[in-house]
Amino acid sequence: MVAWIILFVLVLVLVFVIGMYNSLVQLRVRADSAWSDIDVQLKRRHDLIPNLVETVKGYAAHEKGTFENIAKFRSQAMQATTPTKLSPRTSSPARSRACLRWRKIIRS
């Protein structure tokens, strides 16, 4: 009878050790999978950097052109003394009045 109890305790210890080993292996696999997911996300981000750089370059070119046009049109408006000296784009009377009002606002 004592032999059966010892055998039962040994089997219980063996099952406990096997269960613990399996849980440790499962945790290691989960950790490896998590690190792999992180690597995949970092690679995706690395692949997107050139697209982001090109987008920023395109927007910078657009801004440069916009600011150059603003400076050009502002200098034309400041140099204009009559509506006839305004550029062809502002040939309508409403636009001419708007430019003259803008010029008055800038001077004051």
Protein backbone atom coordinates (compact mmCIF):
# COMPACT_ATOMS: atom_id res chain seq x y z
CA MET A 1 0.00 0.00 0.00
CA VAL A 2 2.86 2.39 0.80
CA ALA A 3 4.40 1.60 -2.57
CA TRP A 4 1.17 2.68 -4.31
CA ILE A 5 1.12 5.97 -2.42
CA ILE A 6 4.76 6.67 -3.31
CA LEU A 7 4.06 5.77 -6.93
CA PHE A 8 0.99 8.05 -6.94
CA VAL A 9 2.99 10.96 -5.45
CA LEU A 10 5.77 10.43 -8.03
CA VAL A 11 3.22 10.43 -10.87
CA LEU A 12 1.68 13.62 -9.46
CA VAL A 13 5.10 15.31 -9.28
CA LEU A 14 5.90 14.14 -12.81
CA VAL A 15 2.59 15.53 -14.16
CA PHE A 16 3.24 18.82 -12.31
CA VAL A 17 6.75 19.12 -13.79
CA ILE A 18 5.52 18.33 -17.31
CA GLY A 19 2.71 20.90 -16.96
CA MET A 20 5.16 23.53 -15.71
CA TYR A 21 7.57 22.81 -18.57
CA ASN A 22 4.75 23.11 -21.11
CA SER A 23 3.61 26.43 -19.67
CA LEU A 24 7.18 27.78 -19.78
CA VAL A 25 7.53 26.69 -23.42
CA GLN A 26 4.18 28.33 -24.21
CA LEU A 27 5.34 31.60 -22.61
CA ARG A 28 8.58 31.50 -24.59
CA VAL A 29 6.65 30.99 -27.85
CA ARG A 30 4.33 33.90 -26.98
CA ALA A 31 7.31 36.15 -26.26
CA ASP A 32 8.99 35.19 -29.54
CA SER A 33 5.74 35.86 -31.39
CA ALA A 34 5.39 39.28 -29.74
CA TRP A 35 8.95 40.25 -30.71
CA SER A 36 8.27 39.04 -34.24
CA ASP A 37 5.17 41.27 -34.42
CA ILE A 38 7.27 44.22 -33.25
CA ASP A 39 9.85 43.51 -35.95
CA VAL A 40 7.11 43.39 -38.60
CA GLN A 41 5.72 46.77 -37.46
CA LEU A 42 9.18 48.34 -37.47
CA LYS A 43 9.82 47.06 -41.00
CA ARG A 44 6.49 48.50 -42.15
CA ARG A 45 7.37 51.87 -40.67
CA HIS A 46 10.80 51.73 -42.25
CA ASP A 47 9.20 51.02 -45.63
CA LEU A 48 6.84 54.00 -45.24
CA ILE A 49 9.57 56.57 -44.51
CA PRO A 50 10.44 57.20 -48.21
CA ASN A 51 6.76 57.81 -48.98
CA LEU A 52 6.54 60.28 -46.13
CA VAL A 53 9.67 62.09 -47.30
CA GLU A 54 8.29 62.40 -50.83
CA THR A 55 5.00 63.74 -49.48
CA VAL A 56 6.80 66.36 -47.43
CA LYS A 57 8.95 67.36 -50.41
CA GLY A 58 5.85 67.78 -52.57
CA TYR A 59 4.11 69.89 -49.94
CA ALA A 60 7.25 71.99 -49.44
CA ALA A 61 7.37 72.69 -53.19
CA HIS A 62 3.70 73.68 -53.10
CA GLU A 63 4.30 76.01 -50.13
CA LYS A 64 7.31 77.56 -51.83
CA GLY A 65 5.29 78.34 -54.94
CA THR A 66 2.43 79.70 -52.87
CA PHE A 67 4.65 82.01 -50.84
CA GLU A 68 6.45 83.21 -53.97
CA ASN A 69 3.09 84.02 -55.60
CA ILE A 70 1.91 85.82 -52.48
CA ALA A 71 5.07 87.93 -52.39
CA LYS A 72 4.83 88.68 -56.11
CA PHE A 73 1.16 89.68 -55.99
CA ARG A 74 1.65 91.70 -52.82
CA SER A 75 4.50 93.67 -54.40
CA GLN A 76 2.38 94.25 -57.51
CA ALA A 77 -0.49 95.49 -55.36
CA MET A 78 1.81 97.79 -53.41
CA GLN A 79 3.30 99.26 -56.60
CA ALA A 80 -0.04 99.75 -58.31
CA THR A 81 -1.33 103.32 -58.25
CA THR A 82 -4.33 102.85 -60.49
CA PRO A 83 -6.47 99.86 -61.35
CA THR A 84 -4.98 99.72 -64.86
CA LYS A 85 -1.56 98.78 -63.52
CA LEU A 86 -2.94 95.74 -61.79
CA SER A 87 -2.29 92.35 -63.28
CA PRO A 88 -4.72 90.90 -65.85
CA ARG A 89 -6.07 88.49 -63.25
CA THR A 90 -7.53 91.41 -61.31
CA SER A 91 -9.12 93.19 -64.25
CA SER A 92 -12.69 93.13 -62.94
CA PRO A 93 -13.87 96.25 -61.06
CA ALA A 94 -14.74 94.27 -57.95
CA ARG A 95 -11.25 92.82 -57.80
CA SER A 96 -9.71 96.21 -58.41
CA ARG A 97 -11.67 97.71 -55.52
CA ALA A 98 -10.69 94.79 -53.32
CA CYS A 99 -7.02 95.31 -54.14
CA LEU A 100 -7.25 99.02 -53.44
CA ARG A 101 -8.98 98.35 -50.11
CA TRP A 102 -6.26 95.86 -49.28
CA ARG A 103 -3.63 98.44 -50.14
CA LYS A 104 -5.30 101.00 -47.86
CA ILE A 105 -5.40 98.45 -45.03
CA ILE A 106 -1.71 97.68 -45.48
CA ARG A 107 -0.73 101.34 -45.46
CA SER A 108 -2.62 102.10 -42.26
